């Protein structure tokens, strides 16, 4: 990646005039743009419209949120059941930090 960036900058004649921070910023921008460019290129190769891709990604995002919420609710219910069982057995949870030590 870095070699390709240096080559591209050499083609436009600015590679010698950039600071290390500017080069780093360019690499970061390229890395951040890569997923979008890849998706757009892949979609155009498959013949999909951008609106179709956005609709599909939106649906996948909603499904991912739903799955996360179900997992979170199950985890919270399991923890609450464990707390109730611990209280029933008389087990007290140990404090993470003791305010009396301050």
N, C-alpha and C. Protein backbone atom coordinates (compact mmCIF):
# COMPACT_ATOMS: atom_id res chain seq x y z
N UNK A 1 0.83 -1.19 0.00
CA UNK A 1 0.00 0.00 0.00
C UNK A 1 0.87 1.24 0.00
N UNK A 2 1.86 1.24 0.86
CA UNK A 2 2.71 2.42 0.97
C UNK A 2 3.49 2.65 -0.32
N UNK A 3 4.00 1.56 -0.90
CA UNK A 3 4.76 1.67 -2.14
C UNK A 3 3.87 2.22 -3.25
N UNK A 4 2.63 1.75 -3.29
CA UNK A 4 1.69 2.23 -4.31
C UNK A 4 1.41 3.71 -4.13
N UNK A 5 1.26 4.16 -2.86
CA UNK A 5 1.01 5.57 -2.59
C UNK A 5 2.20 6.43 -3.02
N UNK A 6 3.39 5.99 -2.69
CA UNK A 6 4.59 6.75 -3.06
C UNK A 6 4.70 6.82 -4.58
N UNK A 7 4.39 5.74 -5.26
CA UNK A 7 4.43 5.73 -6.72
C UNK A 7 3.40 6.69 -7.30
N UNK A 8 2.20 6.69 -6.73
CA UNK A 8 1.15 7.59 -7.22
C UNK A 8 1.53 9.04 -6.99
N UNK A 9 2.11 9.32 -5.82
CA UNK A 9 2.52 10.70 -5.54
C UNK A 9 3.67 11.12 -6.44
N UNK A 10 4.54 10.18 -6.76
CA UNK A 10 5.66 10.49 -7.66
C UNK A 10 5.13 10.83 -9.05
N UNK A 11 4.06 10.20 -9.47
CA UNK A 11 3.49 10.49 -10.78
C UNK A 11 2.98 11.93 -10.88
N UNK A 12 2.43 12.44 -9.78
CA UNK A 12 1.95 13.82 -9.83
C UNK A 12 3.00 14.81 -9.31
N UNK A 13 4.14 14.31 -8.90
CA UNK A 13 5.27 15.17 -8.56
C UNK A 13 5.24 15.83 -7.20
N UNK A 14 4.55 15.26 -6.22
CA UNK A 14 4.49 15.90 -4.90
C UNK A 14 5.09 15.05 -3.79
N UNK A 15 5.67 13.90 -4.12
CA UNK A 15 6.13 13.00 -3.07
C UNK A 15 7.30 13.58 -2.27
N UNK A 16 8.08 14.46 -2.87
CA UNK A 16 9.25 15.00 -2.16
C UNK A 16 8.88 16.17 -1.26
N UNK A 17 7.71 16.74 -1.46
CA UNK A 17 7.34 17.94 -0.72
C UNK A 17 6.37 17.67 0.42
N UNK A 18 6.05 16.42 0.68
CA UNK A 18 5.11 16.08 1.74
C UNK A 18 5.85 15.71 3.02
N UNK A 19 5.31 16.19 4.13
CA UNK A 19 5.87 15.80 5.42
C UNK A 19 5.40 14.39 5.76
N UNK A 20 6.00 13.81 6.79
CA UNK A 20 5.61 12.46 7.22
C UNK A 20 4.16 12.45 7.67
N UNK A 21 3.73 13.52 8.33
CA UNK A 21 2.34 13.59 8.80
C UNK A 21 1.37 13.65 7.62
N UNK A 22 1.72 14.41 6.59
CA UNK A 22 0.87 14.51 5.41
C UNK A 22 0.79 13.16 4.69
N UNK A 23 1.91 12.46 4.60
CA UNK A 23 1.89 11.14 3.98
C UNK A 23 1.02 10.18 4.79
N UNK A 24 1.15 10.26 6.10
CA UNK A 24 0.33 9.42 6.97
C UNK A 24 -1.15 9.72 6.78
N UNK A 25 -1.50 11.01 6.70
CA UNK A 25 -2.89 11.39 6.49
C UNK A 25 -3.42 10.87 5.16
N UNK A 26 -2.59 10.89 4.13
CA UNK A 26 -3.01 10.37 2.83
C UNK A 26 -3.25 8.87 2.87
N UNK A 27 -2.39 8.16 3.57
CA UNK A 27 -2.57 6.71 3.71
C UNK A 27 -3.86 6.42 4.47
N UNK A 28 -4.11 7.15 5.56
CA UNK A 28 -5.33 6.96 6.34
C UNK A 28 -6.57 7.23 5.49
N UNK A 29 -6.54 8.29 4.70
CA UNK A 29 -7.69 8.61 3.84
C UNK A 29 -7.92 7.51 2.81
N UNK A 30 -6.84 6.97 2.26
CA UNK A 30 -6.97 5.87 1.31
C UNK A 30 -7.56 4.63 1.94
N UNK A 31 -7.14 4.33 3.16
CA UNK A 31 -7.66 3.16 3.87
C UNK A 31 -9.14 3.35 4.18
N UNK A 32 -9.54 4.55 4.59
CA UNK A 32 -10.93 4.81 4.92
C UNK A 32 -11.83 4.80 3.69
N UNK A 33 -11.29 5.16 2.54
CA UNK A 33 -12.09 5.20 1.31
C UNK A 33 -12.20 3.83 0.65
N UNK A 34 -11.31 2.92 0.99
CA UNK A 34 -11.26 1.63 0.31
C UNK A 34 -12.56 0.83 0.38
N UNK A 35 -13.25 0.71 1.53
CA UNK A 35 -14.49 -0.09 1.54
C UNK A 35 -15.56 0.46 0.61
N UNK A 36 -15.73 1.77 0.58
CA UNK A 36 -16.73 2.37 -0.29
C UNK A 36 -16.41 2.18 -1.76
N UNK A 37 -15.15 2.37 -2.09
CA UNK A 37 -14.73 2.18 -3.48
C UNK A 37 -14.91 0.72 -3.89
N UNK A 38 -14.55 -0.19 -3.02
CA UNK A 38 -14.70 -1.61 -3.30
C UNK A 38 -16.16 -1.98 -3.50
N UNK A 39 -17.04 -1.47 -2.65
CA UNK A 39 -18.47 -1.77 -2.77
C UNK A 39 -19.03 -1.21 -4.07
N UNK A 40 -18.66 0.02 -4.39
CA UNK A 40 -19.18 0.63 -5.61
C UNK A 40 -18.67 -0.10 -6.85
N UNK A 41 -17.41 -0.48 -6.83
CA UNK A 41 -16.84 -1.20 -7.97
C UNK A 41 -17.49 -2.58 -8.12
N UNK A 42 -17.62 -3.28 -7.02
CA UNK A 42 -18.25 -4.60 -7.06
C UNK A 42 -19.68 -4.53 -7.51
N UNK A 43 -20.39 -3.51 -7.07
CA UNK A 43 -21.79 -3.36 -7.46
C UNK A 43 -21.92 -3.06 -8.94
N UNK A 44 -21.05 -2.21 -9.44
CA UNK A 44 -21.14 -1.90 -10.86
C UNK A 44 -20.79 -3.12 -11.71
N UNK A 45 -19.89 -3.96 -11.21
CA UNK A 45 -19.54 -5.18 -11.94
C UNK A 45 -20.69 -6.18 -11.93
N UNK A 46 -21.48 -6.17 -10.86
CA UNK A 46 -22.63 -7.07 -10.78
C UNK A 46 -23.85 -6.49 -11.47
N UNK A 47 -23.79 -5.22 -11.84
CA UNK A 47 -24.91 -4.59 -12.51
C UNK A 47 -25.96 -4.04 -11.57
N UNK A 48 -25.62 -3.86 -10.29
CA UNK A 48 -26.58 -3.33 -9.33
C UNK A 48 -26.53 -1.81 -9.34
N UNK A 49 -27.66 -1.19 -9.07
CA UNK A 49 -27.72 0.25 -8.91
C UNK A 49 -27.28 0.59 -7.49
N UNK A 50 -26.79 1.81 -7.31
CA UNK A 50 -26.34 2.23 -5.97
C UNK A 50 -27.51 2.23 -4.99
N UNK A 51 -28.70 2.58 -5.44
CA UNK A 51 -29.86 2.57 -4.54
C UNK A 51 -30.17 1.15 -4.05
N UNK A 52 -29.96 0.14 -4.90
CA UNK A 52 -30.17 -1.25 -4.48
C UNK A 52 -29.16 -1.65 -3.42
N UNK A 53 -27.93 -1.22 -3.60
CA UNK A 53 -26.88 -1.53 -2.62
C UNK A 53 -27.19 -0.87 -1.28
N UNK A 54 -27.59 0.39 -1.33
CA UNK A 54 -27.90 1.10 -0.08
C UNK A 54 -29.08 0.46 0.64
N UNK A 55 -30.09 0.03 -0.11
CA UNK A 55 -31.23 -0.65 0.52
C UNK A 55 -30.78 -1.95 1.17
N UNK A 56 -29.93 -2.72 0.47
CA UNK A 56 -29.45 -4.00 1.01
C UNK A 56 -28.60 -3.77 2.27
N UNK A 57 -27.73 -2.80 2.22
CA UNK A 57 -26.87 -2.51 3.38
C UNK A 57 -27.71 -2.02 4.56
N UNK A 58 -28.74 -1.22 4.29
CA UNK A 58 -29.62 -0.75 5.36
C UNK A 58 -30.34 -1.92 6.02
N UNK A 59 -30.83 -2.85 5.21
CA UNK A 59 -31.51 -4.03 5.76
C UNK A 59 -30.54 -4.85 6.61
N UNK A 60 -29.32 -5.04 6.11
CA UNK A 60 -28.32 -5.81 6.87
C UNK A 60 -27.98 -5.10 8.18
N UNK A 61 -27.91 -3.78 8.15
CA UNK A 61 -27.60 -3.02 9.36
C UNK A 61 -28.71 -3.19 10.40
N UNK A 62 -29.97 -3.11 9.96
CA UNK A 62 -31.09 -3.29 10.89
C UNK A 62 -31.07 -4.70 11.47
N UNK A 63 -30.78 -5.70 10.65
CA UNK A 63 -30.69 -7.08 11.15
C UNK A 63 -29.56 -7.24 12.16
N UNK A 64 -28.43 -6.58 11.90
CA UNK A 64 -27.31 -6.64 12.84
C UNK A 64 -27.69 -5.99 14.17
N UNK A 65 -28.40 -4.86 14.11
CA UNK A 65 -28.84 -4.21 15.35
C UNK A 65 -29.81 -5.11 16.11
N UNK A 66 -30.73 -5.76 15.39
CA UNK A 66 -31.69 -6.66 16.02
C UNK A 66 -30.98 -7.82 16.71
N UNK A 67 -30.02 -8.41 16.01
CA UNK A 67 -29.26 -9.52 16.60
C UNK A 67 -28.50 -9.08 17.84
N UNK A 68 -27.92 -7.88 17.79
CA UNK A 68 -27.20 -7.37 18.96
C UNK A 68 -28.15 -7.17 20.14
N UNK A 69 -29.32 -6.60 19.88
CA UNK A 69 -30.26 -6.38 20.98
C UNK A 69 -30.74 -7.69 21.59
N UNK A 70 -31.02 -8.67 20.77
CA UNK A 70 -31.43 -9.98 21.29
C UNK A 70 -30.33 -10.56 22.15
N UNK A 71 -29.07 -10.50 21.68
CA UNK A 71 -27.95 -11.01 22.46
C UNK A 71 -27.82 -10.26 23.78
N UNK A 72 -27.95 -8.92 23.72
CA UNK A 72 -27.81 -8.10 24.93
C UNK A 72 -28.91 -8.41 25.94
N UNK A 73 -30.15 -8.53 25.46
CA UNK A 73 -31.25 -8.83 26.37
C UNK A 73 -31.10 -10.20 27.00
N UNK A 74 -30.65 -11.19 26.24
CA UNK A 74 -30.42 -12.53 26.79
C UNK A 74 -29.30 -12.50 27.83
N UNK A 75 -28.22 -11.75 27.52
CA UNK A 75 -27.11 -11.64 28.46
C UNK A 75 -27.57 -10.98 29.76
N UNK A 76 -28.34 -9.88 29.65
CA UNK A 76 -28.83 -9.19 30.84
C UNK A 76 -29.76 -10.08 31.65
N UNK A 77 -30.62 -10.84 30.98
CA UNK A 77 -31.52 -11.74 31.70
C UNK A 77 -30.73 -12.83 32.41
N UNK A 78 -29.71 -13.36 31.74
CA UNK A 78 -28.88 -14.40 32.35
C UNK A 78 -28.15 -13.85 33.58
N UNK A 79 -27.62 -12.63 33.46
CA UNK A 79 -26.94 -12.02 34.61
C UNK A 79 -27.89 -11.77 35.76
N UNK A 80 -29.09 -11.31 35.45
CA UNK A 80 -30.07 -11.07 36.50
C UNK A 80 -30.45 -12.37 37.18
N UNK A 81 -30.62 -13.44 36.42
CA UNK A 81 -30.90 -14.75 37.02
C UNK A 81 -29.76 -15.19 37.94
N UNK A 82 -28.52 -14.95 37.52
CA UNK A 82 -27.37 -15.30 38.36
C UNK A 82 -27.36 -14.48 39.64
N UNK A 83 -27.70 -13.18 39.54
CA UNK A 83 -27.75 -12.34 40.75
C UNK A 83 -28.82 -12.82 41.72
N UNK A 84 -29.97 -13.17 41.15
CA UNK A 84 -31.06 -13.67 42.01
C UNK A 84 -30.64 -14.96 42.69
N UNK A 85 -30.02 -15.86 41.95
CA UNK A 85 -29.56 -17.13 42.53
C UNK A 85 -28.48 -16.88 43.59
N UNK A 86 -27.57 -15.94 43.34
CA UNK A 86 -26.54 -15.62 44.33
C UNK A 86 -27.15 -15.05 45.60
N UNK A 87 -28.16 -14.18 45.46
CA UNK A 87 -28.82 -13.62 46.63
C UNK A 87 -29.55 -14.71 47.41
N UNK A 88 -30.15 -15.64 46.68
CA UNK A 88 -30.86 -16.73 47.34
C UNK A 88 -29.90 -17.59 48.15
N UNK A 89 -28.69 -17.80 47.62
CA UNK A 89 -27.70 -18.61 48.32
C UNK A 89 -26.93 -17.81 49.36
N UNK A 90 -27.12 -16.49 49.39
CA UNK A 90 -26.44 -15.64 50.37
C UNK A 90 -25.05 -15.21 49.94
N UNK A 91 -24.75 -15.31 48.66
CA UNK A 91 -23.45 -14.89 48.15
C UNK A 91 -23.53 -13.41 47.81
N UNK A 92 -22.65 -12.63 48.41
CA UNK A 92 -22.63 -11.20 48.13
C UNK A 92 -21.57 -10.92 47.05
N UNK A 93 -21.91 -10.10 46.06
CA UNK A 93 -20.91 -9.77 45.03
C UNK A 93 -19.80 -8.93 45.61
N UNK A 94 -18.58 -9.18 45.16
CA UNK A 94 -17.46 -8.39 45.65
C UNK A 94 -17.43 -7.06 44.90
N UNK A 95 -17.19 -5.98 45.62
CA UNK A 95 -17.16 -4.66 44.97
C UNK A 95 -15.93 -4.53 44.05
N UNK A 96 -16.12 -3.83 42.96
CA UNK A 96 -15.01 -3.61 42.04
C UNK A 96 -14.00 -2.66 42.66
N UNK A 97 -14.51 -1.59 43.25
CA UNK A 97 -13.61 -0.69 43.98
C UNK A 97 -14.28 -0.36 45.29
N UNK A 98 -13.49 -0.29 46.32
CA UNK A 98 -14.00 -0.02 47.66
C UNK A 98 -13.88 1.47 47.95
N UNK A 99 -15.01 2.20 48.11
CA UNK A 99 -14.93 3.64 48.34
C UNK A 99 -14.26 4.00 49.66
N UNK A 100 -14.20 3.07 50.61
CA UNK A 100 -13.55 3.36 51.90
C UNK A 100 -12.06 3.44 51.78
N UNK A 101 -11.47 2.92 50.66
CA UNK A 101 -10.03 2.97 50.49
C UNK A 101 -9.53 4.33 50.01
N UNK A 102 -10.44 5.19 49.56
CA UNK A 102 -10.03 6.51 49.04
C UNK A 102 -9.64 7.45 50.13
